PDB file of N, CA and C in Angstrom:
ATOM      1  N   MET A   1      54.938 -10.925  13.474  1.00  0.00           N
ATOM      2  CA  MET A   1      53.531 -10.751  13.173  1.00  0.00           C
ATOM      3  C   MET A   1      53.076 -11.857  12.226  1.00  0.00           C
ATOM      4  N   ALA A   2      51.947 -12.462  12.522  1.00  0.00           N
ATOM      5  CA  ALA A   2      51.440 -13.572  11.725  1.00  0.00           C
ATOM      6  C   ALA A   2      50.953 -13.064  10.378  1.00  0.00           C
ATOM      7  N   THR A   3      51.087 -13.938   9.367  1.00  0.00           N
ATOM      8  CA  THR A   3      50.585 -13.562   8.059  1.00  0.00           C
ATOM      9  C   THR A   3      49.093 -13.802   8.000  1.00  0.00           C
ATOM     10  N   LYS A   4      48.427 -12.999   7.234  1.00  0.00           N
ATOM     11  CA  LYS A   4      46.975 -13.063   7.123  1.00  0.00           C
ATOM     12  C   LYS A   4      46.599 -14.010   5.990  1.00  0.00           C
ATOM     13  N   SER A   5      45.654 -14.896   6.256  1.00  0.00           N
ATOM     14  CA  SER A   5      45.202 -15.810   5.214  1.00  0.00           C
ATOM     15  C   SER A   5      44.172 -15.094   4.337  1.00  0.00           C
ATOM     16  N   SER A   6      43.890 -15.687   3.188  1.00  0.00           N
ATOM     17  CA  SER A   6      42.937 -15.104   2.249  1.00  0.00           C
ATOM     18  C   SER A   6      41.539 -15.092   2.840  1.00  0.00           C
ATOM     19  N   THR A   7      40.893 -13.962   2.756  1.00  0.00           N
ATOM     20  CA  THR A   7      39.518 -13.832   3.229  1.00  0.00           C
ATOM     21  C   THR A   7      38.694 -13.122   2.183  1.00  0.00           C
ATOM     22  N   ILE A   8      37.421 -13.039   2.418  1.00  0.00           N
ATOM     23  CA  ILE A   8      36.534 -12.315   1.499  1.00  0.00           C
ATOM     24  C   ILE A   8      36.964 -10.860   1.394  1.00  0.00           C
ATOM     25  N   ASN A   9      37.402 -10.268   2.489  1.00  0.00           N
ATOM     26  CA  ASN A   9      37.759  -8.855   2.509  1.00  0.00           C
ATOM     27  C   ASN A   9      38.987  -8.534   1.672  1.00  0.00           C
ATOM     28  N   ASP A  10      39.903  -9.498   1.491  1.00  0.00           N
ATOM     29  CA  ASP A  10      41.107  -9.183   0.726  1.00  0.00           C
ATOM     30  C   ASP A  10      41.081  -9.783  -0.684  1.00  0.00           C
ATOM     31  N   GLY A  11      39.917 -10.078  -1.196  1.00  0.00           N
ATOM     32  CA  GLY A  11      39.803 -10.546  -2.574  1.00  0.00           C
ATOM     33  C   GLY A  11      39.479 -12.008  -2.705  1.00  0.00           C
ATOM     34  N   GLY A  12      39.736 -12.805  -1.686  1.00  0.00           N
ATOM     35  CA  GLY A  12      39.357 -14.205  -1.691  1.00  0.00           C
ATOM     36  C   GLY A  12      40.096 -15.031  -2.726  1.00  0.00           C
ATOM     37  N   ASP A  13      39.451 -16.059  -3.199  1.00  0.00           N
ATOM     38  CA  ASP A  13      40.002 -17.021  -4.139  1.00  0.00           C
ATOM     39  C   ASP A  13      40.227 -16.366  -5.510  1.00  0.00           C
ATOM     40  N   PRO A  14      41.466 -16.369  -6.016  1.00  0.00           N
ATOM     41  CA  PRO A  14      41.744 -15.733  -7.311  1.00  0.00           C
ATOM     42  C   PRO A  14      40.935 -16.341  -8.456  1.00  0.00           C
ATOM     43  N   ALA A  15      40.724 -17.665  -8.432  1.00  0.00           N
ATOM     44  CA  ALA A  15      39.944 -18.294  -9.503  1.00  0.00           C
ATOM     45  C   ALA A  15      38.502 -17.801  -9.478  1.00  0.00           C
ATOM     46  N   MET A  16      37.942 -17.671  -8.283  1.00  0.00           N
ATOM     47  CA  MET A  16      36.569 -17.194  -8.182  1.00  0.00           C
ATOM     48  C   MET A  16      36.491 -15.742  -8.653  1.00  0.00           C
ATOM     49  N   MET A  17      37.471 -14.936  -8.284  1.00  0.00           N
ATOM     50  CA  MET A  17      37.471 -13.536  -8.703  1.00  0.00           C
ATOM     51  C   MET A  17      37.568 -13.434 -10.224  1.00  0.00           C
ATOM     52  N   SER A  18      38.382 -14.296 -10.821  1.00  0.00           N
ATOM     53  CA  SER A  18      38.503 -14.318 -12.279  1.00  0.00           C
ATOM     54  C   SER A  18      37.176 -14.698 -12.927  1.00  0.00           C
ATOM     55  N   ASN A  19      36.502 -15.687 -12.348  1.00  0.00           N
ATOM     56  CA  ASN A  19      35.197 -16.096 -12.871  1.00  0.00           C
ATOM     57  C   ASN A  19      34.173 -14.974 -12.752  1.00  0.00           C
ATOM     58  N   LEU A  20      34.204 -14.263 -11.633  1.00  0.00           N
ATOM     59  CA  LEU A  20      33.279 -13.141 -11.462  1.00  0.00           C
ATOM     60  C   LEU A  20      33.566 -12.038 -12.468  1.00  0.00           C
ATOM     61  N   ALA A  21      34.841 -11.794 -12.766  1.00  0.00           N
ATOM     62  CA  ALA A  21      35.203 -10.794 -13.768  1.00  0.00           C
ATOM     63  C   ALA A  21      34.676 -11.206 -15.141  1.00  0.00           C
ATOM     64  N   GLU A  22      34.813 -12.499 -15.462  1.00  0.00           N
ATOM     65  CA  GLU A  22      34.274 -13.006 -16.735  1.00  0.00           C
ATOM     66  C   GLU A  22      32.758 -12.834 -16.780  1.00  0.00           C
ATOM     67  N   LEU A  23      32.111 -13.086 -15.663  1.00  0.00           N
ATOM     68  CA  LEU A  23      30.667 -12.940 -15.576  1.00  0.00           C
ATOM     69  C   LEU A  23      30.253 -11.500 -15.865  1.00  0.00           C
ATOM     70  N   GLN A  24      30.992 -10.553 -15.327  1.00  0.00           N
ATOM     71  CA  GLN A  24      30.679  -9.148 -15.566  1.00  0.00           C
ATOM     72  C   GLN A  24      30.862  -8.784 -17.027  1.00  0.00           C
ATOM     73  N   LYS A  25      31.854  -9.369 -17.691  1.00  0.00           N
ATOM     74  CA  LYS A  25      32.102  -9.083 -19.102  1.00  0.00           C
ATOM     75  C   LYS A  25      30.957  -9.557 -19.992  1.00  0.00           C
ATOM     76  N   LEU A  26      30.260 -10.601 -19.574  1.00  0.00           N
ATOM     77  CA  LEU A  26      29.178 -11.144 -20.377  1.00  0.00           C
ATOM     78  C   LEU A  26      28.040 -10.148 -20.549  1.00  0.00           C
ATOM     79  N   GLY A  27      27.817  -9.358 -19.511  1.00  0.00           N
ATOM     80  CA  GLY A  27      26.712  -8.414 -19.580  1.00  0.00           C
ATOM     81  C   GLY A  27      25.414  -9.151 -19.835  1.00  0.00           C
ATOM     82  N   PHE A  28      24.612  -8.664 -20.762  1.00  0.00           N
ATOM     83  CA  PHE A  28      23.339  -9.307 -21.065  1.00  0.00           C
ATOM     84  C   PHE A  28      23.415 -10.212 -22.289  1.00  0.00           C
ATOM     85  N   ASN A  29      24.611 -10.364 -22.863  1.00  0.00           N
ATOM     86  CA  ASN A  29      24.770 -11.269 -24.004  1.00  0.00           C
ATOM     87  C   ASN A  29      24.598 -12.711 -23.536  1.00  0.00           C
ATOM     88  N   ASN A  30      23.961 -13.514 -24.337  1.00  0.00           N
ATOM     89  CA  ASN A  30      23.792 -14.940 -24.058  1.00  0.00           C
ATOM     90  C   ASN A  30      23.196 -15.205 -22.677  1.00  0.00           C
ATOM     91  N   LEU A  31      22.266 -14.371 -22.271  1.00  0.00           N
ATOM     92  CA  LEU A  31      21.679 -14.474 -20.946  1.00  0.00           C
ATOM     93  C   LEU A  31      20.922 -15.779 -20.741  1.00  0.00           C
ATOM     94  N   THR A  32      20.367 -16.340 -21.796  1.00  0.00           N
ATOM     95  CA  THR A  32      19.604 -17.578 -21.667  1.00  0.00           C
ATOM     96  C   THR A  32      20.479 -18.722 -21.174  1.00  0.00           C
ATOM     97  N   GLY A  33      21.625 -18.926 -21.795  1.00  0.00           N
ATOM     98  CA  GLY A  33      22.531 -19.998 -21.371  1.00  0.00           C
ATOM     99  C   GLY A  33      23.039 -19.772 -19.968  1.00  0.00           C
ATOM    100  N   PHE A  34      23.392 -18.547 -19.678  1.00  0.00           N
ATOM    101  CA  PHE A  34      23.861 -18.216 -18.340  1.00  0.00           C
ATOM    102  C   PHE A  34      22.767 -18.468 -17.314  1.00  0.00           C
ATOM    103  N   GLY A  35      21.547 -17.969 -17.587  1.00  0.00           N
ATOM    104  CA  GLY A  35      20.439 -18.075 -16.633  1.00  0.00           C
ATOM    105  C   GLY A  35      20.074 -19.504 -16.309  1.00  0.00           C
ATOM    106  N   THR A  36      20.035 -20.347 -17.331  1.00  0.00           N
ATOM    107  CA  THR A  36      19.695 -21.755 -17.112  1.00  0.00           C
ATOM    108  C   THR A  36      20.739 -22.432 -16.231  1.00  0.00           C
ATOM    109  N   ALA A  37      22.004 -22.210 -16.555  1.00  0.00           N
ATOM    110  CA  ALA A  37      23.085 -22.813 -15.765  1.00  0.00           C
ATOM    111  C   ALA A  37      23.059 -22.278 -14.333  1.00  0.00           C
ATOM    112  N   TRP A  38      22.786 -20.991 -14.192  1.00  0.00           N
ATOM    113  CA  TRP A  38      22.742 -20.372 -12.860  1.00  0.00           C
ATOM    114  C   TRP A  38      21.620 -20.976 -12.022  1.00  0.00           C
ATOM    115  N   ILE A  39      20.444 -21.095 -12.599  1.00  0.00           N
ATOM    116  CA  ILE A  39      19.297 -21.631 -11.862  1.00  0.00           C
ATOM    117  C   ILE A  39      19.538 -23.082 -11.472  1.00  0.00           C
ATOM    118  N   GLU A  40      20.076 -23.878 -12.380  1.00  0.00           N
ATOM    119  CA  GLU A  40      20.384 -25.279 -12.062  1.00  0.00           C
ATOM    120  C   GLU A  40      21.407 -25.364 -10.928  1.00  0.00           C
ATOM    121  N   GLY A  41      22.428 -24.550 -11.021  1.00  0.00           N
ATOM    122  CA  GLY A  41      23.469 -24.552  -9.990  1.00  0.00           C
ATOM    123  C   GLY A  41      22.938 -24.115  -8.636  1.00  0.00           C
ATOM    124  N   MET A  42      22.101 -23.101  -8.631  1.00  0.00           N
ATOM    125  CA  MET A  42      21.529 -22.630  -7.373  1.00  0.00           C
ATOM    126  C   MET A  42      20.594 -23.692  -6.782  1.00  0.00           C
ATOM    127  N   GLY A  43      19.913 -24.436  -7.627  1.00  0.00           N
ATOM    128  CA  GLY A  43      19.087 -25.542  -7.148  1.00  0.00           C
ATOM    129  C   GLY A  43      19.928 -26.615  -6.478  1.00  0.00           C
ATOM    130  N   ASP A  44      21.073 -26.916  -7.084  1.00  0.00           N
ATOM    131  CA  ASP A  44      21.988 -27.892  -6.491  1.00  0.00           C
ATOM    132  C   ASP A  44      22.517 -27.402  -5.144  1.00  0.00           C
ATOM    133  N   LEU A  45      22.856 -26.113  -5.072  1.00  0.00           N
ATOM    134  CA  LEU A  45      23.333 -25.546  -3.805  1.00  0.00           C
ATOM    135  C   LEU A  45      22.242 -25.620  -2.742  1.00  0.00           C
ATOM    136  N   GLY A  46      21.018 -25.278  -3.118  1.00  0.00           N
ATOM    137  CA  GLY A  46      19.904 -25.340  -2.168  1.00  0.00           C
ATOM    138  C   GLY A  46      19.670 -26.747  -1.656  1.00  0.00           C
ATOM    139  N   ALA A  47      19.731 -27.728  -2.559  1.00  0.00           N
ATOM    140  CA  ALA A  47      19.546 -29.122  -2.158  1.00  0.00           C
ATOM    141  C   ALA A  47      20.656 -29.565  -1.206  1.00  0.00           C
ATOM    142  N   GLU A  48      21.870 -29.122  -1.471  1.00  0.00           N
ATOM    143  CA  GLU A  48      22.996 -29.467  -0.601  1.00  0.00           C
ATOM    144  C   GLU A  48      22.797 -28.894   0.801  1.00  0.00           C
ATOM    145  N   VAL A  49      22.397 -27.644   0.874  1.00  0.00           N
ATOM    146  CA  VAL A  49      22.186 -27.003   2.173  1.00  0.00           C
ATOM    147  C   VAL A  49      21.061 -27.704   2.939  1.00  0.00           C
ATOM    148  N   LEU A  50      19.960 -27.989   2.263  1.00  0.00           N
ATOM    149  CA  LEU A  50      18.850 -28.669   2.929  1.00  0.00           C
ATOM    150  C   LEU A  50      19.248 -30.059   3.417  1.00  0.00           C
ATOM    151  N   GLY A  51      20.009 -30.790   2.618  1.00  0.00           N
ATOM    152  CA  GLY A  51      20.483 -32.112   3.036  1.00  0.00           C
ATOM    153  C   GLY A  51      21.386 -32.017   4.256  1.00  0.00           C
ATOM    154  N   PHE A  52      22.257 -31.013   4.269  1.00  0.00           N
ATOM    155  CA  PHE A  52      23.150 -30.822   5.402  1.00  0.00           C
ATOM    156  C   PHE A  52      22.363 -30.479   6.659  1.00  0.00           C
ATOM    157  N   VAL A  53      21.417 -29.583   6.534  1.00  0.00           N
ATOM    158  CA  VAL A  53      20.603 -29.192   7.699  1.00  0.00           C
ATOM    159  C   VAL A  53      19.839 -30.392   8.242  1.00  0.00           C
ATOM    160  N   ALA A  54      19.291 -31.214   7.358  1.00  0.00           N
ATOM    161  CA  ALA A  54      18.565 -32.410   7.805  1.00  0.00           C
ATOM    162  C   ALA A  54      19.488 -33.349   8.592  1.00  0.00           C
ATOM    163  N   GLU A  55      20.696 -33.543   8.105  1.00  0.00           N
ATOM    164  CA  GLU A  55      21.657 -34.397   8.819  1.00  0.00           C
ATOM    165  C   GLU A  55      22.038 -33.801  10.170  1.00  0.00           C
ATOM    166  N   ARG A  56      22.224 -32.488  10.213  1.00  0.00           N
ATOM    167  CA  ARG A  56      22.587 -31.836  11.483  1.00  0.00           C
ATOM    168  C   ARG A  56      21.438 -31.937  12.485  1.00  0.00           C
ATOM    169  N   VAL A  57      20.209 -31.832  12.040  1.00  0.00           N
ATOM    170  CA  VAL A  57      19.069 -31.979  12.952  1.00  0.00           C
ATOM    171  C   VAL A  57      19.069 -33.378  13.556  1.00  0.00           C
ATOM    172  N   LYS A  58      19.343 -34.388  12.734  1.00  0.00           N
ATOM    173  CA  LYS A  58      19.442 -35.760  13.245  1.00  0.00           C
ATOM    174  C   LYS A  58      20.534 -35.863  14.302  1.00  0.00           C
ATOM    175  N   GLU A  59      21.689 -35.268  14.010  1.00  0.00           N
ATOM    176  CA  GLU A  59      22.802 -35.275  14.969  1.00  0.00           C
ATOM    177  C   GLU A  59      22.391 -34.587  16.274  1.00  0.00           C
ATOM    178  N   ASP A  60      21.711 -33.468  16.161  1.00  0.00           N
ATOM    179  CA  ASP A  60      21.275 -32.716  17.345  1.00  0.00           C
ATOM    180  C   ASP A  60      20.317 -33.542  18.204  1.00  0.00           C
ATOM    181  N   VAL A  61      19.362 -34.180  17.551  1.00  0.00           N
ATOM    182  CA  VAL A  61      18.381 -34.990  18.281  1.00  0.00           C
ATOM    183  C   VAL A  61      19.070 -36.171  18.963  1.00  0.00           C
ATOM    184  N   ASN A  62      19.972 -36.836  18.247  1.00  0.00           N
ATOM    185  CA  ASN A  62      20.700 -37.960  18.850  1.00  0.00           C
ATOM    186  C   ASN A  62      21.533 -37.510  20.047  1.00  0.00           C
ATOM    187  N   ALA A  63      22.197 -36.370  19.906  1.00  0.00           N
ATOM    188  CA  ALA A  63      23.030 -35.862  21.008  1.00  0.00           C
ATOM    189  C   ALA A  63      22.159 -35.520  22.218  1.00  0.00           C
ATOM    190  N   GLN A  64      21.022 -34.890  21.987  1.00  0.00           N
ATOM    191  CA  GLN A  64      20.124 -34.556  23.095  1.00  0.00           C
ATOM    192  C   GLN A  64      19.634 -35.817  23.790  1.00  0.00           C
ATOM    193  N   HIS A  65      19.312 -36.827  23.002  1.00  0.00           N
ATOM    194  CA  HIS A  65      18.851 -38.099  23.572  1.00  0.00           C
ATOM    195  C   HIS A  65      19.938 -38.706  24.468  1.00  0.00           C
ATOM    196  N   GLU A  66      21.172 -38.736  23.957  1.00  0.00           N
ATOM    197  CA  GLU A  66      22.278 -39.286  24.743  1.00  0.00           C
ATOM    198  C   GLU A  66      22.505 -38.478  26.020  1.00  0.00           C
ATOM    199  N   MET A  67      22.427 -37.160  25.909  1.00  0.00           N
ATOM    200  CA  MET A  67      22.662 -36.305  27.075  1.00  0.00           C
ATOM    201  C   MET A  67      21.569 -36.466  28.131  1.00  0.00           C
ATOM    202  N   LEU A  68      20.348 -36.641  27.687  1.00  0.00           N
ATOM    203  CA  LEU A  68      19.242 -36.827  28.637  1.00  0.00           C
ATOM    204  C   LEU A  68      19.344 -38.154  29.381  1.00  0.00           C
ATOM    205  N   HIS A  69      20.027 -39.116  28.792  1.00  0.00           N
ATOM    206  CA  HIS A  69      20.132 -40.438  29.410  1.00  0.00           C
ATOM    207  C   HIS A  69      21.482 -40.718  30.067  1.00  0.00           C
ATOM    208  N   CYS A  70      22.356 -39.725  30.125  1.00  0.00           N
ATOM    209  CA  CYS A  70      23.653 -39.979  30.760  1.00  0.00           C
ATOM    210  C   CYS A  70      23.486 -40.052  32.279  1.00  0.00           C
ATOM    211  N   LYS A  71      24.449 -40.715  32.922  1.00  0.00           N
ATOM    212  CA  LYS A  71      24.331 -41.021  34.354  1.00  0.00           C
ATOM    213  C   LYS A  71      25.062 -40.049  35.269  1.00  0.00           C
ATOM    214  N   ASP A  72      26.085 -39.369  34.758  1.00  0.00           N
ATOM    215  CA  ASP A  72      26.822 -38.448  35.623  1.00  0.00           C
ATOM    216  C   ASP A  72      27.361 -37.270  34.822  1.00  0.00           C
ATOM    217  N   PHE A  73      27.890 -36.298  35.545  1.00  0.00           N
ATOM    218  CA  PHE A  73      28.362 -35.057  34.947  1.00  0.00           C
ATOM    219  C   PHE A  73      29.557 -35.291  34.022  1.00  0.00           C
ATOM    220  N   THR A  74      30.440 -36.204  34.375  1.00  0.00           N
ATOM    221  CA  THR A  74      31.606 -36.495  33.543  1.00  0.00           C
ATOM    222  C   THR A  74      31.170 -37.042  32.189  1.00  0.00           C
ATOM    223  N   GLU A  75      30.221 -37.933  32.205  1.00  0.00           N
ATOM    224  CA  GLU A  75      29.690 -38.485  30.955  1.00  0.00           C
ATOM    225  C   GLU A  75      29.043 -37.378  30.122  1.00  0.00           C
ATOM    226  N   LEU A  76      28.320 -36.479  30.763  1.00  0.00           N
ATOM    227  CA  LEU A  76      27.683 -35.355  30.071  1.00  0.00           C
ATOM    228  C   LEU A  76      28.731 -34.474  29.394  1.00  0.00           C
ATOM    229  N   GLN A  77      29.803 -34.190  30.111  1.00  0.00           N
ATOM    230  CA  GLN A  77      30.884 -33.376  29.532  1.00  0.00           C
ATOM    231  C   GLN A  77      31.488 -34.045  28.307  1.00  0.00           C
ATOM    232  N   LYS A  78      31.705 -35.347  28.378  1.00  0.00           N
ATOM    233  CA  LYS A  78      32.268 -36.082  27.241  1.00  0.00           C
ATOM    234  C   LYS A  78      31.323 -36.038  26.042  1.00  0.00           C
ATOM    235  N   LEU A  79      30.031 -36.216  26.298  1.00  0.00           N
ATOM    236  CA  LEU A  79      29.043 -36.171  25.219  1.00  0.00           C
ATOM    237  C   LEU A  79      28.989 -34.792  24.573  1.00  0.00           C
ATOM    238  N   GLN A  80      29.023 -33.753  25.407  1.00  0.00           N
ATOM    239  CA  GLN A  80      28.991 -32.391  24.867  1.00  0.00           C
ATOM    240  C   GLN A  80      30.243 -32.105  24.040  1.00  0.00           C
ATOM    241  N   SER A  81      31.384 -32.525  24.531  1.00  0.00           N
ATOM    242  CA  SER A  81      32.642 -32.319  23.814  1.00  0.00           C
ATOM    243  C   SER A  81      32.624 -33.046  22.466  1.00  0.00           C
ATOM    244  N   LYS A  82      32.170 -34.293  22.483  1.00  0.00           N
ATOM    245  CA  LYS A  82      32.069 -35.093  21.262  1.00  0.00           C
ATOM    246  C   LYS A  82      31.116 -34.428  20.268  1.00  0.00           C
ATOM    247  N   PHE A  83      29.979 -33.948  20.770  1.00  0.00           N
ATOM    248  CA  PHE A  83      28.985 -33.289  19.930  1.00  0.00           C
ATOM    249  C   PHE A  83      29.571 -32.033  19.276  1.00  0.00           C
ATOM    250  N   LEU A  84      30.220 -31.196  20.068  1.00  0.00           N
ATOM    251  CA  LEU A  84      30.779 -29.951  19.541  1.00  0.00           C
ATOM    252  C   LEU A  84      31.882 -30.220  18.524  1.00  0.00           C
ATOM    253  N   GLN A  85      32.758 -31.176  18.811  1.00  0.00           N
ATOM    254  CA  GLN A  85      33.840 -31.489  17.889  1.00  0.00           C
ATOM    255  C   GLN A  85      33.290 -31.973  16.550  1.00  0.00           C
ATOM    256  N   LYS A  86      32.304 -32.849  16.606  1.00  0.00           N
ATOM    257  CA  LYS A  86      31.719 -33.365  15.367  1.00  0.00           C
ATOM    258  C   LYS A  86      31.014 -32.250  14.593  1.00  0.00           C
ATOM    259  N   ALA A  87      30.305 -31.384  15.304  1.00  0.00           N
ATOM    260  CA  ALA A  87      29.619 -30.268  14.651  1.00  0.00           C
ATOM    261  C   ALA A  87      30.617 -29.346  13.961  1.00  0.00           C
ATOM    262  N   ILE A  88      31.708 -29.028  14.638  1.00  0.00           N
ATOM    263  CA  ILE A  88      32.730 -28.155  14.052  1.00  0.00           C
ATOM    264  C   ILE A  88      33.303 -28.793  12.788  1.00  0.00           C
ATOM    265  N   GLU A  89      33.603 -30.082  12.857  1.00  0.00           N
ATOM    266  CA  GLU A  89      34.151 -30.785  11.690  1.00  0.00           C
ATOM    267  C   GLU A  89      33.157 -30.791  10.533  1.00  0.00           C
ATOM    268  N   GLN A  90      31.889 -31.070  10.834  1.00  0.00           N
ATOM    269  CA  GLN A  90      30.883 -31.126   9.776  1.00  0.00           C
ATOM    270  C   GLN A  90      30.628 -29.746   9.162  1.00  0.00           C
ATOM    271  N   TYR A  91      30.530 -28.720   9.977  1.00  0.00           N
ATOM    272  CA  TYR A  91      30.305 -27.374   9.448  1.00  0.00           C
ATOM    273  C   TYR A  91      31.503 -26.900   8.634  1.00  0.00           C
ATOM    274  N   THR A  92      32.705 -27.217   9.066  1.00  0.00           N
ATOM    275  CA  THR A  92      33.903 -26.834   8.324  1.00  0.00           C
ATOM    276  C   THR A  92      33.923 -27.521   6.961  1.00  0.00           C
ATOM    277  N   ALA A  93      33.661 -28.818   6.951  1.00  0.00           N
ATOM    278  CA  ALA A  93      33.645 -29.569   5.697  1.00  0.00           C
ATOM    279  C   ALA A  93      32.552 -29.050   4.764  1.00  0.00           C
ATOM    280  N   GLU A  94      31.385 -28.778   5.315  1.00  0.00           N
ATOM    281  CA  GLU A  94      30.273 -28.306   4.489  1.00  0.00           C
ATOM    282  C   GLU A  94      30.559 -26.927   3.918  1.00  0.00           C
ATOM    283  N   THR A  95      31.179 -26.070   4.694  1.00  0.00           N
ATOM    284  CA  THR A  95      31.532 -24.742   4.189  1.00  0.00           C
ATOM    285  C   THR A  95      32.464 -24.855   3.000  1.00  0.00           C
ATOM    286  N   GLY A  96      33.482 -25.704   3.107  1.00  0.00           N
ATOM    287  CA  GLY A  96      34.393 -25.926   1.987  1.00  0.00           C
ATOM    288  C   GLY A  96      33.676 -26.454   0.766  1.00  0.00           C
ATOM    289  N   LYS A  97      32.765 -27.389   0.988  1.00  0.00           N
ATOM    290  CA  LYS A  97      32.008 -27.969  -0.125  1.00  0.00           C
ATOM    291  C   LYS A  97      31.141 -26.917  -0.804  1.00  0.00           C
ATOM    292  N   LEU A  98      30.486 -26.064  -0.015  1.00  0.00           N
ATOM    293  CA  LEU A  98      29.630 -25.022  -0.582  1.00  0.00           C
ATOM    294  C   LEU A  98      30.444 -23.984  -1.355  1.00  0.00           C
ATOM    295  N   VAL A  99      31.637 -23.667  -0.878  1.00  0.00           N
ATOM    296  CA  VAL A  99      32.502 -22.729  -1.603  1.00  0.00           C
ATOM    297  C   VAL A  99      32.882 -23.333  -2.953  1.00  0.00           C
ATOM    298  N   GLU A 100      33.273 -24.599  -2.962  1.00  0.00           N
ATOM    299  CA  GLU A 100      33.626 -25.272  -4.216  1.00  0.00           C
ATOM    300  C   GLU A 100      32.430 -25.335  -5.163  1.00  0.00           C
ATOM    301  N   MET A 101      31.265 -25.681  -4.634  1.00  0.00           N
ATOM    302  CA  MET A 101      30.073 -25.752  -5.465  1.00  0.00           C
ATOM    303  C   MET A 101      29.718 -24.379  -6.034  1.00  0.00           C
ATOM    304  N   SER A 102      29.854 -23.340  -5.233  1.00  0.00           N
ATOM    305  CA  SER A 102      29.548 -21.976  -5.688  1.00  0.00           C
ATOM    306  C   SER A 102      30.476 -21.569  -6.824  1.00  0.00           C
ATOM    307  N   ASN A 103      31.746 -21.882  -6.678  1.00  0.00           N
ATOM    308  CA  ASN A 103      32.701 -21.571  -7.737  1.00  0.00           C
ATOM    309  C   ASN A 103      32.349 -22.329  -9.008  1.00  0.00           C
ATOM    310  N   ALA A 104      31.947 -23.588  -8.862  1.00  0.00           N
ATOM    311  CA  ALA A 104      31.559 -24.389 -10.027  1.00  0.00           C
ATOM    312  C   ALA A 104      30.315 -23.816 -10.699  1.00  0.00           C
ATOM    313  N   VAL A 105      29.370 -23.311  -9.907  1.00  0.00           N
ATOM    314  CA  VAL A 105      28.161 -22.700 -10.476  1.00  0.00           C
ATOM    315  C   VAL A 105      28.548 -21.493 -11.325  1.00  0.00           C
ATOM    316  N   ILE A 106      29.414 -20.655 -10.793  1.00  0.00           N
ATOM    317  CA  ILE A 106      29.827 -19.461 -11.526  1.00  0.00           C
ATOM    318  C   ILE A 106      30.600 -19.838 -12.780  1.00  0.00           C
ATOM    319  N   THR A 107      31.533 -20.783 -12.647  1.00  0.00           N
ATOM    320  CA  THR A 107      32.327 -21.224 -13.796  1.00  0.00           C
ATOM    321  C   THR A 107      31.425 -21.790 -14.891  1.00  0.00           C
ATOM    322  N   ASN A 108      30.480 -22.624 -14.514  1.00  0.00           N
ATOM    323  CA  ASN A 108      29.565 -23.241 -15.480  1.00  0.00           C
ATOM    324  C   ASN A 108      28.673 -22.191 -16.127  1.00  0.00           C
ATOM    325  N   ALA A 109      28.158 -21.273 -15.326  1.00  0.00           N
ATOM    326  CA  ALA A 109      27.276 -20.237 -15.865  1.00  0.00           C
ATOM    327  C   ALA A 109      28.031 -19.353 -16.852  1.00  0.00           C
ATOM    328  N   VAL A 110      29.269 -19.004 -16.532  1.00  0.00           N
ATOM    329  CA  VAL A 110      30.075 -18.184 -17.447  1.00  0.00           C
ATOM    330  C   VAL A 110      30.311 -18.938 -18.746  1.00  0.00           C
ATOM    331  N   ALA A 111      30.664 -20.214 -18.647  1.00  0.00           N
ATOM    332  CA  ALA A 111      30.921 -21.018 -19.842  1.00  0.00           C
ATOM    333  C   ALA A 111      29.669 -21.119 -20.707  1.00  0.00           C
ATOM    334  N   LYS A 112      28.531 -21.360 -20.075  1.00  0.00           N
ATOM    335  CA  LYS A 112      27.284 -21.475 -20.831  1.00  0.00           C
ATOM    336  C   LYS A 112      26.877 -20.127 -21.424  1.00  0.00           C
ATOM    337  N   GLY A 113      27.164 -19.062 -20.703  1.00  0.00           N
ATOM    338  CA  GLY A 113      26.855 -17.731 -21.211  1.00  0.00           C
ATOM    339  C   GLY A 113      27.722 -17.376 -22.409  1.00  0.00           C
ATOM    340  N   LYS A 114      28.978 -17.795 -22.386  1.00  0.00           N
ATOM    341  CA  LYS A 114      29.893 -17.506 -23.493  1.00  0.00           C
ATOM    342  C   LYS A 114      29.499 -18.226 -24.763  1.00  0.00           C
ATOM    343  N   ASP A 115      29.118 -19.509 -24.609  1.00  0.00           N
ATOM    344  CA  ASP A 115      28.796 -20.270 -25.812  1.00  0.00           C
ATOM    345  C   ASP A 115      27.323 -20.226 -26.178  1.00  0.00           C
ATOM    346  N   GLY A 116      26.522 -19.566 -25.340  1.00  0.00           N
ATOM    347  CA  GLY A 116      25.105 -19.411 -25.645  1.00  0.00           C
ATOM    348  C   GLY A 116      24.277 -20.647 -25.420  1.00  0.00           C
ATOM    349  N   SER A 117      24.833 -21.646 -24.709  1.00  0.00           N
ATOM    350  CA  SER A 117      24.105 -22.890 -24.446  1.00  0.00           C
ATOM    351  C   SER A 117      22.865 -22.637 -23.619  1.00  0.00           C
ATOM    352  N   LYS A 118      21.854 -23.450 -23.849  1.00  0.00           N
ATOM    353  CA  LYS A 118      20.632 -23.369 -23.074  1.00  0.00           C
ATOM    354  C   LYS A 118      20.521 -24.522 -22.094  1.00  0.00           C
ATOM    355  N   THR A 119      21.488 -25.446 -22.078  1.00  0.00           N
ATOM    356  CA  THR A 119      21.460 -26.582 -21.161  1.00  0.00           C
ATOM    357  C   THR A 119      22.693 -26.636 -20.315  1.00  0.00           C
TER     358      THR A 119
END
């Protein structure tokens, strides 16, 4: 039987879980430092997602253009395969990046909440 990899359902990343536990301990103490760091981090995450979506739209439009101008079915299959492979690679990479960024947002917010920083 294959071993199961870490997922959200089984607790996920131990470092992230530790950060979330620290976040819960903060309660409403030092909320200003936490809130500022949280809002800044969420803004960075939003900008990252929007940038990724913009790049994917460009990829989609380029792929459609190439597919509309291909000469035969074999060429179409190759273009579709290339498009799907690149999309899978980009979405996989972006998911990893967003997970790392999310963990950094939580870590930073906890640190700022602990020391009461406002920046």
